[in-house]
Amino acid sequence: MARLTGKTALITGGSTGIGLASAVRFAAEGARVYIAGRRQSEIDKAIATIGHGATGIRCDVSSLADLDRLYAQIKAESGQLDILFANAGLGTFAPLGEISEADFDHMFGVNVKGTLFTVQKAIPLMRSGGSIILTGSTTGTKGTPAFSVYSATKAAIRNFARSWAVDMKGTGIRINVLSPGGTETPGLHDLFGTSGQAEEMLAGLAAQTPLGRIGRPEETAAVALFLASDESSFMTGSEVFVDGGMAQV
């Protein structure tokens, strides 16, 4: 039997990169998949890629009204939610001394506020055996030049999981962090593209990784599938790295 048969899954930030790769895996393993994203054109392309009757919903996770509409639709169509992959996030480069209030508010609004309310508003739809996955990052545990605000948001995510695992005691719902290293995604290319040195920075990122390359979204999706499935039934409050060893040495 497929590992997610009969389960309903929501992936925010599900239209590209790690979110899309995870949606493809979850659907192939039998889940009814919902993806949420900000751009309708990307959502439409992703749904065609995922297949298996997946549903795409336009949603800005930093908007509580958008989240309310998202969960109202899932409740009306599926009745419950078994898997939540809170994957939506973004980052921009700025060294200390050049950080703007707008960039700070945007990153914390999506990465921290958005994750908090994505999870909080999902809980009434979840039941014992449910799995919540939060996207962290190697930057949450390592110093990263010109990336301190993003790094701080991911450190917050890590500690959300620690505290929420205690808050959720007795519910049977587990919550874990999945922390990728450098991964070949549109978001990474967009981020490095703003520097004007994309190829040089990608090569440098690979050189910092013990496995000597950056990862593929499908590699992280395989670990997301493990965390979503009953195979991780005795894990909660944990952080799993898929980083080629970057944050481990």
C-alpha atoms as a PDB file:
ATOM      1  CA  MET A   1       0.000   0.000   0.000  1.00  0.00           C
ATOM      2  CA  ALA A   2       1.168   3.541  -0.743  1.00  0.00           C
ATOM      3  CA  ARG A   3       2.424   5.311   2.359  1.00  0.00           C
ATOM      4  CA  LEU A   4      -0.095   8.179   2.366  1.00  0.00           C
ATOM      5  CA  THR A   5      -3.232   6.441   1.104  1.00  0.00           C
ATOM      6  CA  GLY A   6      -6.388   8.020   2.487  1.00  0.00           C
ATOM      7  CA  LYS A   7      -4.603  11.074   3.876  1.00  0.00           C
ATOM      8  CA  THR A   8      -5.116  14.738   3.039  1.00  0.00           C
ATOM      9  CA  ALA A   9      -2.036  16.937   2.802  1.00  0.00           C
ATOM     10  CA  LEU A  10      -1.491  20.683   2.497  1.00  0.00           C
ATOM     11  CA  ILE A  11       1.808  22.118   1.300  1.00  0.00           C
ATOM     12  CA  THR A  12       2.283  25.871   1.465  1.00  0.00           C
ATOM     13  CA  GLY A  13       4.850  27.241  -0.929  1.00  0.00           C
ATOM     14  CA  GLY A  14       3.842  24.214  -2.964  1.00  0.00           C
ATOM     15  CA  SER A  15       4.048  25.534  -6.508  1.00  0.00           C
ATOM     16  CA  THR A  16       7.835  25.415  -7.018  1.00  0.00           C
ATOM     17  CA  GLY A  17      11.035  23.916  -5.659  1.00  0.00           C
ATOM     18  CA  ILE A  18      10.948  21.693  -2.578  1.00  0.00           C
ATOM     19  CA  GLY A  19       7.222  22.258  -2.082  1.00  0.00           C
ATOM     20  CA  LEU A  20       6.371  21.112  -5.592  1.00  0.00           C
ATOM     21  CA  ALA A  21       8.698  18.110  -5.424  1.00  0.00           C
ATOM     22  CA  SER A  22       7.066  17.113  -2.128  1.00  0.00           C
ATOM     23  CA  ALA A  23       3.583  17.523  -3.574  1.00  0.00           C
ATOM     24  CA  VAL A  24       4.521  15.191  -6.432  1.00  0.00           C
ATOM     25  CA  ARG A  25       5.805  12.562  -3.964  1.00  0.00           C
ATOM     26  CA  PHE A  26       2.842  12.874  -1.593  1.00  0.00           C
ATOM     27  CA  ALA A  27       0.346  12.527  -4.433  1.00  0.00           C
ATOM     28  CA  ALA A  28       2.189   9.536  -5.879  1.00  0.00           C
ATOM     29  CA  GLU A  29       1.991   7.909  -2.425  1.00  0.00           C
ATOM     30  CA  GLY A  30      -1.794   8.232  -2.325  1.00  0.00           C
ATOM     31  CA  ALA A  31      -2.453  11.544  -0.570  1.00  0.00           C
ATOM     32  CA  ARG A  32      -5.092  14.017  -1.582  1.00  0.00           C
ATOM     33  CA  VAL A  33      -2.860  17.037  -2.063  1.00  0.00           C
ATOM     34  CA  TYR A  34      -3.604  20.721  -1.686  1.00  0.00           C
ATOM     35  CA  ILE A  35      -0.934  23.266  -2.539  1.00  0.00           C
ATOM     36  CA  ALA A  36      -0.980  26.944  -1.650  1.00  0.00           C
ATOM     37  CA  GLY A  37       1.033  29.670  -3.329  1.00  0.00           C
ATOM     38  CA  ARG A  38       0.980  33.358  -4.147  1.00  0.00           C
ATOM     39  CA  ARG A  39       1.097  33.249  -7.956  1.00  0.00           C
ATOM     40  CA  GLN A  40      -1.795  31.716  -9.854  1.00  0.00           C
ATOM     41  CA  SER A  41       0.246  30.998 -12.983  1.00  0.00           C
ATOM     42  CA  GLU A  42       2.749  28.941 -10.975  1.00  0.00           C
ATOM     43  CA  ILE A  43      -0.056  27.154  -9.135  1.00  0.00           C
ATOM     44  CA  ASP A  44      -1.676  26.169 -12.436  1.00  0.00           C
ATOM     45  CA  LYS A  45       1.593  24.771 -13.807  1.00  0.00           C
ATOM     46  CA  ALA A  46       2.252  22.899 -10.581  1.00  0.00           C
ATOM     47  CA  ILE A  47      -1.182  21.259 -10.569  1.00  0.00           C
ATOM     48  CA  ALA A  48      -0.561  19.981 -14.088  1.00  0.00           C
ATOM     49  CA  THR A  49       2.746  18.525 -12.907  1.00  0.00           C
ATOM     50  CA  ILE A  50       1.370  16.923  -9.748  1.00  0.00           C
ATOM     51  CA  GLY A  51      -1.703  15.310 -11.292  1.00  0.00           C
ATOM     52  CA  HIS A  52      -3.687  12.849  -9.124  1.00  0.00           C
ATOM     53  CA  GLY A  53      -6.505  15.355  -8.654  1.00  0.00           C
ATOM     54  CA  ALA A  54      -4.408  17.838  -6.693  1.00  0.00           C
ATOM     55  CA  THR A  55      -5.950  21.196  -5.804  1.00  0.00           C
ATOM     56  CA  GLY A  56      -4.216  24.576  -5.908  1.00  0.00           C
ATOM     57  CA  ILE A  57      -5.326  27.559  -3.835  1.00  0.00           C
ATOM     58  CA  ARG A  58      -3.940  31.058  -4.072  1.00  0.00           C
ATOM     59  CA  CYS A  59      -2.881  32.180  -0.596  1.00  0.00           C
ATOM     60  CA  ASP A  60      -0.487  34.611   1.053  1.00  0.00           C
ATOM     61  CA  VAL A  61       0.378  32.936   4.361  1.00  0.00           C
ATOM     62  CA  SER A  62       1.067  36.305   5.993  1.00  0.00           C
ATOM     63  CA  SER A  63      -2.638  37.147   5.501  1.00  0.00           C
ATOM     64  CA  LEU A  64      -4.877  35.631   8.150  1.00  0.00           C
ATOM     65  CA  ALA A  65      -7.912  36.183   5.917  1.00  0.00           C
ATOM     66  CA  ASP A  66      -6.237  34.163   3.144  1.00  0.00           C
ATOM     67  CA  LEU A  67      -5.488  31.368   5.608  1.00  0.00           C
ATOM     68  CA  ASP A  68      -9.096  31.342   6.789  1.00  0.00           C
ATOM     69  CA  ARG A  69     -10.284  30.934   3.199  1.00  0.00           C
ATOM     70  CA  LEU A  70      -7.714  28.213   2.588  1.00  0.00           C
ATOM     71  CA  TYR A  71      -8.787  26.105   5.535  1.00  0.00           C
ATOM     72  CA  ALA A  72     -12.486  26.707   4.923  1.00  0.00           C
ATOM     73  CA  GLN A  73     -12.084  25.191   1.458  1.00  0.00           C
ATOM     74  CA  ILE A  74     -10.127  22.195   2.752  1.00  0.00           C
ATOM     75  CA  LYS A  75     -12.716  21.591   5.482  1.00  0.00           C
ATOM     76  CA  ALA A  76     -15.595  21.822   3.011  1.00  0.00           C
ATOM     77  CA  GLU A  77     -13.968  19.475   0.494  1.00  0.00           C
ATOM     78  CA  SER A  78     -12.043  17.010   2.656  1.00  0.00           C
ATOM     79  CA  GLY A  79     -13.339  17.421   6.198  1.00  0.00           C
ATOM     80  CA  GLN A  80      -9.937  17.066   7.809  1.00  0.00           C
ATOM     81  CA  LEU A  81      -6.198  17.501   7.350  1.00  0.00           C
ATOM     82  CA  ASP A  82      -3.668  14.777   8.111  1.00  0.00           C
ATOM     83  CA  ILE A  83      -0.421  16.368   6.912  1.00  0.00           C
ATOM     84  CA  LEU A  84       0.666  19.994   6.956  1.00  0.00           C
ATOM     85  CA  PHE A  85       3.947  20.978   5.324  1.00  0.00           C
ATOM     86  CA  ALA A  86       4.439  24.650   6.239  1.00  0.00           C
ATOM     87  CA  ASN A  87       7.010  25.369   3.564  1.00  0.00           C
ATOM     88  CA  ALA A  88       6.272  28.929   2.425  1.00  0.00           C
ATOM     89  CA  GLY A  89       9.192  31.276   3.005  1.00  0.00           C
ATOM     90  CA  LEU A  90      11.504  33.837   1.462  1.00  0.00           C
ATOM     91  CA  GLY A  91      14.734  35.699   2.051  1.00  0.00           C
ATOM     92  CA  THR A  92      16.842  38.576   0.804  1.00  0.00           C
ATOM     93  CA  PHE A  93      20.507  39.449   1.270  1.00  0.00           C
ATOM     94  CA  ALA A  94      21.487  42.490   3.339  1.00  0.00           C
ATOM     95  CA  PRO A  95      24.490  42.887   5.651  1.00  0.00           C
ATOM     96  CA  LEU A  96      24.164  44.562   9.028  1.00  0.00           C
ATOM     97  CA  GLY A  97      24.043  48.286   8.373  1.00  0.00           C
ATOM     98  CA  GLU A  98      21.953  47.874   5.206  1.00  0.00           C
ATOM     99  CA  ILE A  99      18.906  46.006   6.538  1.00  0.00           C
ATOM    100  CA  SER A 100      15.675  47.856   5.797  1.00  0.00           C
ATOM    101  CA  GLU A 101      12.577  47.852   7.946  1.00  0.00           C
ATOM    102  CA  ALA A 102      10.549  46.720   4.930  1.00  0.00           C
ATOM    103  CA  ASP A 103      12.742  43.667   4.343  1.00  0.00           C
ATOM    104  CA  PHE A 104      12.671  42.784   8.033  1.00  0.00           C
ATOM    105  CA  ASP A 105       8.887  43.034   8.189  1.00  0.00           C
ATOM    106  CA  HIS A 106       8.447  41.048   4.980  1.00  0.00           C
ATOM    107  CA  MET A 107      10.689  38.146   6.019  1.00  0.00           C
ATOM    108  CA  PHE A 108       9.300  37.908   9.537  1.00  0.00           C
ATOM    109  CA  GLY A 109       5.765  38.375   8.221  1.00  0.00           C
ATOM    110  CA  VAL A 110       5.985  35.402   5.862  1.00  0.00           C
ATOM    111  CA  ASN A 111       8.509  33.121   7.557  1.00  0.00           C
ATOM    112  CA  VAL A 112       7.530  33.555  11.203  1.00  0.00           C
ATOM    113  CA  LYS A 113       4.039  35.047  11.427  1.00  0.00           C
ATOM    114  CA  GLY A 114       2.960  33.097   8.358  1.00  0.00           C
ATOM    115  CA  THR A 115       4.222  29.791   9.749  1.00  0.00           C
ATOM    116  CA  LEU A 116       2.686  30.408  13.172  1.00  0.00           C
ATOM    117  CA  PHE A 117      -0.800  31.067  11.849  1.00  0.00           C
ATOM    118  CA  THR A 118      -0.569  28.431   9.117  1.00  0.00           C
ATOM    119  CA  VAL A 119      -0.053  25.878  11.880  1.00  0.00           C
ATOM    120  CA  GLN A 120      -2.428  27.341  14.446  1.00  0.00           C
ATOM    121  CA  LYS A 121      -5.317  27.552  12.012  1.00  0.00           C
ATOM    122  CA  ALA A 122      -4.700  23.988  10.774  1.00  0.00           C
ATOM    123  CA  ILE A 123      -4.913  22.326  14.174  1.00  0.00           C
ATOM    124  CA  PRO A 124      -8.737  22.212  14.401  1.00  0.00           C
ATOM    125  CA  LEU A 125      -8.753  20.115  11.201  1.00  0.00           C
ATOM    126  CA  MET A 126      -6.122  17.669  12.451  1.00  0.00           C
ATOM    127  CA  ARG A 127      -6.397  14.539  14.599  1.00  0.00           C
ATOM    128  CA  SER A 128      -4.204  11.975  16.327  1.00  0.00           C
ATOM    129  CA  GLY A 129      -1.609  10.603  13.925  1.00  0.00           C
ATOM    130  CA  GLY A 130      -1.300  13.902  12.074  1.00  0.00           C
ATOM    131  CA  SER A 131       2.064  15.274  11.011  1.00  0.00           C
ATOM    132  CA  ILE A 132       3.195  18.894  10.826  1.00  0.00           C
ATOM    133  CA  ILE A 133       6.453  19.656   9.001  1.00  0.00           C
ATOM    134  CA  LEU A 134       8.101  23.066   9.210  1.00  0.00           C
ATOM    135  CA  THR A 135      10.753  24.158   6.731  1.00  0.00           C
ATOM    136  CA  GLY A 136      13.878  25.281   8.529  1.00  0.00           C
ATOM    137  CA  SER A 137      17.341  25.886   7.103  1.00  0.00           C
ATOM    138  CA  THR A 138      21.017  25.295   7.775  1.00  0.00           C
ATOM    139  CA  THR A 139      21.175  29.076   8.273  1.00  0.00           C
ATOM    140  CA  GLY A 140      19.206  28.634  11.488  1.00  0.00           C
ATOM    141  CA  THR A 141      22.264  27.041  13.098  1.00  0.00           C
ATOM    142  CA  LYS A 142      25.152  28.641  11.183  1.00  0.00           C
ATOM    143  CA  GLY A 143      26.349  32.188  10.799  1.00  0.00           C
ATOM    144  CA  THR A 144      25.685  33.349   7.246  1.00  0.00           C
ATOM    145  CA  PRO A 145      27.012  36.683   5.949  1.00  0.00           C
ATOM    146  CA  ALA A 146      24.423  39.241   4.820  1.00  0.00           C
ATOM    147  CA  PHE A 147      21.621  36.835   5.709  1.00  0.00           C
ATOM    148  CA  SER A 148      21.037  37.489   9.392  1.00  0.00           C
ATOM    149  CA  VAL A 149      17.329  38.311   9.220  1.00  0.00           C
ATOM    150  CA  TYR A 150      16.464  35.195   7.231  1.00  0.00           C
ATOM    151  CA  SER A 151      18.678  33.142   9.555  1.00  0.00           C
ATOM    152  CA  ALA A 152      16.837  34.531  12.575  1.00  0.00           C
ATOM    153  CA  THR A 153      13.473  33.581  11.080  1.00  0.00           C
ATOM    154  CA  LYS A 154      14.661  30.002  10.639  1.00  0.00           C
ATOM    155  CA  ALA A 155      16.040  29.863  14.183  1.00  0.00           C
ATOM    156  CA  ALA A 156      12.543  30.917  15.289  1.00  0.00           C
ATOM    157  CA  ILE A 157      11.051  28.044  13.273  1.00  0.00           C
ATOM    158  CA  ARG A 158      13.328  25.570  15.029  1.00  0.00           C
ATOM    159  CA  ASN A 159      12.173  26.768  18.420  1.00  0.00           C
ATOM    160  CA  PHE A 160       8.538  26.863  17.375  1.00  0.00           C
ATOM    161  CA  ALA A 161       8.808  23.110  16.852  1.00  0.00           C
ATOM    162  CA  ARG A 162      10.405  22.515  20.251  1.00  0.00           C
ATOM    163  CA  SER A 163       7.711  24.459  22.085  1.00  0.00           C
ATOM    164  CA  TRP A 164       4.801  23.292  19.956  1.00  0.00           C
ATOM    165  CA  ALA A 165       5.769  19.645  20.450  1.00  0.00           C
ATOM    166  CA  VAL A 166       5.151  20.262  24.162  1.00  0.00           C
ATOM    167  CA  ASP A 167       1.972  22.266  23.500  1.00  0.00           C
ATOM    168  CA  MET A 168       0.639  19.374  21.389  1.00  0.00           C
ATOM    169  CA  LYS A 169       1.340  16.739  24.043  1.00  0.00           C
ATOM    170  CA  GLY A 170      -1.607  14.380  24.321  1.00  0.00           C
ATOM    171  CA  THR A 171      -3.027  15.166  20.879  1.00  0.00           C
ATOM    172  CA  GLY A 172      -1.079  12.534  18.955  1.00  0.00           C
ATOM    173  CA  ILE A 173      -0.048  15.205  16.440  1.00  0.00           C
ATOM    174  CA  ARG A 174       3.687  15.376  15.847  1.00  0.00           C
ATOM    175  CA  ILE A 175       5.662  18.357  14.613  1.00  0.00           C
ATOM    176  CA  ASN A 176       9.175  18.352  13.163  1.00  0.00           C
ATOM    177  CA  VAL A 177      11.529  20.629  11.249  1.00  0.00           C
ATOM    178  CA  LEU A 178      13.004  19.754   7.859  1.00  0.00           C
ATOM    179  CA  SER A 179      16.114  21.843   7.224  1.00  0.00           C
ATOM    180  CA  PRO A 180      17.591  21.830   3.718  1.00  0.00           C
ATOM    181  CA  GLY A 181      20.977  23.127   2.762  1.00  0.00           C
ATOM    182  CA  GLY A 182      21.632  24.707  -0.623  1.00  0.00           C
ATOM    183  CA  THR A 183      19.085  23.209  -3.022  1.00  0.00           C
ATOM    184  CA  GLU A 184      18.599  23.716  -6.761  1.00  0.00           C
ATOM    185  CA  THR A 185      15.333  25.678  -6.713  1.00  0.00           C
ATOM    186  CA  PRO A 186      13.953  28.743  -8.495  1.00  0.00           C
ATOM    187  CA  GLY A 187      14.031  30.539  -5.156  1.00  0.00           C
ATOM    188  CA  LEU A 188      17.761  29.975  -4.772  1.00  0.00           C
ATOM    189  CA  HIS A 189      18.449  31.239  -8.280  1.00  0.00           C
ATOM    190  CA  ASP A 190      16.248  34.277  -7.679  1.00  0.00           C
ATOM    191  CA  LEU A 191      18.064  35.017  -4.423  1.00  0.00           C
ATOM    192  CA  PHE A 192      21.536  34.721  -5.896  1.00  0.00           C
ATOM    193  CA  GLY A 193      20.463  36.506  -9.059  1.00  0.00           C
ATOM    194  CA  THR A 194      19.940  39.696  -7.066  1.00  0.00           C
ATOM    195  CA  SER A 195      23.649  39.692  -6.231  1.00  0.00           C
ATOM    196  CA  GLY A 196      24.782  39.751  -9.855  1.00  0.00           C
ATOM    197  CA  GLN A 197      27.158  36.875  -9.039  1.00  0.00           C
ATOM    198  CA  ALA A 198      24.804  33.898  -9.230  1.00  0.00           C
ATOM    199  CA  GLU A 199      27.142  31.318 -10.773  1.00  0.00           C
ATOM    200  CA  GLU A 200      30.018  32.247  -8.481  1.00  0.00           C
ATOM    201  CA  MET A 201      27.794  32.037  -5.406  1.00  0.00           C
ATOM    202  CA  LEU A 202      26.295  28.678  -6.437  1.00  0.00           C
ATOM    203  CA  ALA A 203      29.791  27.279  -6.941  1.00  0.00           C
ATOM    204  CA  GLY A 204      30.836  28.618  -3.552  1.00  0.00           C
ATOM    205  CA  LEU A 205      27.825  27.030  -1.896  1.00  0.00           C
ATOM    206  CA  ALA A 206      28.655  23.658  -3.434  1.00  0.00           C
ATOM    207  CA  ALA A 207      32.271  23.994  -2.304  1.00  0.00           C
ATOM    208  CA  GLN A 208      31.150  24.488   1.320  1.00  0.00           C
ATOM    209  CA  THR A 209      29.185  21.223   1.227  1.00  0.00           C
ATOM    210  CA  PRO A 210      31.018  17.988   2.164  1.00  0.00           C
ATOM    211  CA  LEU A 211      29.234  16.136  -0.654  1.00  0.00           C
ATOM    212  CA  GLY A 212      30.581  18.737  -3.075  1.00  0.00           C
ATOM    213  CA  ARG A 213      27.326  19.829  -4.675  1.00  0.00           C
ATOM    214  CA  ILE A 214      23.993  21.459  -3.924  1.00  0.00           C
ATOM    215  CA  GLY A 215      20.933  19.311  -3.430  1.00  0.00           C
ATOM    216  CA  ARG A 216      17.974  18.472  -5.627  1.00  0.00           C
ATOM    217  CA  PRO A 217      14.397  19.225  -4.504  1.00  0.00           C
ATOM    218  CA  GLU A 218      13.525  15.547  -4.903  1.00  0.00           C
ATOM    219  CA  GLU A 219      16.120  14.629  -2.274  1.00  0.00           C
ATOM    220  CA  THR A 220      14.482  16.868   0.308  1.00  0.00           C
ATOM    221  CA  ALA A 221      11.024  15.694  -0.773  1.00  0.00           C
ATOM    222  CA  ALA A 222      12.014  12.110   0.043  1.00  0.00           C
ATOM    223  CA  VAL A 223      12.691  13.138   3.642  1.00  0.00           C
ATOM    224  CA  ALA A 224       9.475  15.175   3.760  1.00  0.00           C
ATOM    225  CA  LEU A 225       7.630  11.998   2.751  1.00  0.00           C
ATOM    226  CA  PHE A 226       9.243  10.124   5.641  1.00  0.00           C
ATOM    227  CA  LEU A 227       8.190  12.841   8.109  1.00  0.00           C
ATOM    228  CA  ALA A 228       4.666  12.921   6.664  1.00  0.00           C
ATOM    229  CA  SER A 229       4.240   9.159   6.865  1.00  0.00           C
ATOM    230  CA  ASP A 230       3.673   6.840   9.800  1.00  0.00           C
ATOM    231  CA  GLU A 231       7.303   5.746   9.452  1.00  0.00           C
ATOM    232  CA  SER A 232       8.196   8.774  11.606  1.00  0.00           C
ATOM    233  CA  SER A 233       5.492   8.017  14.191  1.00  0.00           C
ATOM    234  CA  PHE A 234       7.872   8.334  17.189  1.00  0.00           C
ATOM    235  CA  MET A 235       9.415  11.637  16.152  1.00  0.00           C
ATOM    236  CA  THR A 236       8.326  15.039  17.374  1.00  0.00           C
ATOM    237  CA  GLY A 237      10.192  18.244  18.175  1.00  0.00           C
ATOM    238  CA  SER A 238      13.063  17.039  15.984  1.00  0.00           C
ATOM    239  CA  GLU A 239      15.086  18.707  13.244  1.00  0.00           C
ATOM    240  CA  VAL A 240      16.199  16.682  10.234  1.00  0.00           C
ATOM    241  CA  PHE A 241      18.877  18.121   7.946  1.00  0.00           C
ATOM    242  CA  VAL A 242      19.056  17.428   4.215  1.00  0.00           C
ATOM    243  CA  ASP A 243      22.142  19.501   3.586  1.00  0.00           C
ATOM    244  CA  GLY A 244      24.944  17.353   2.186  1.00  0.00           C
ATOM    245  CA  GLY A 245      26.662  17.725   5.549  1.00  0.00           C
ATOM    246  CA  MET A 246      26.927  21.525   5.398  1.00  0.00           C
ATOM    247  CA  ALA A 247      25.708  22.227   8.929  1.00  0.00           C
ATOM    248  CA  GLN A 248      27.123  19.027  10.392  1.00  0.00           C
ATOM    249  CA  VAL A 249      30.870  19.592  10.152  1.00  0.00           C
END
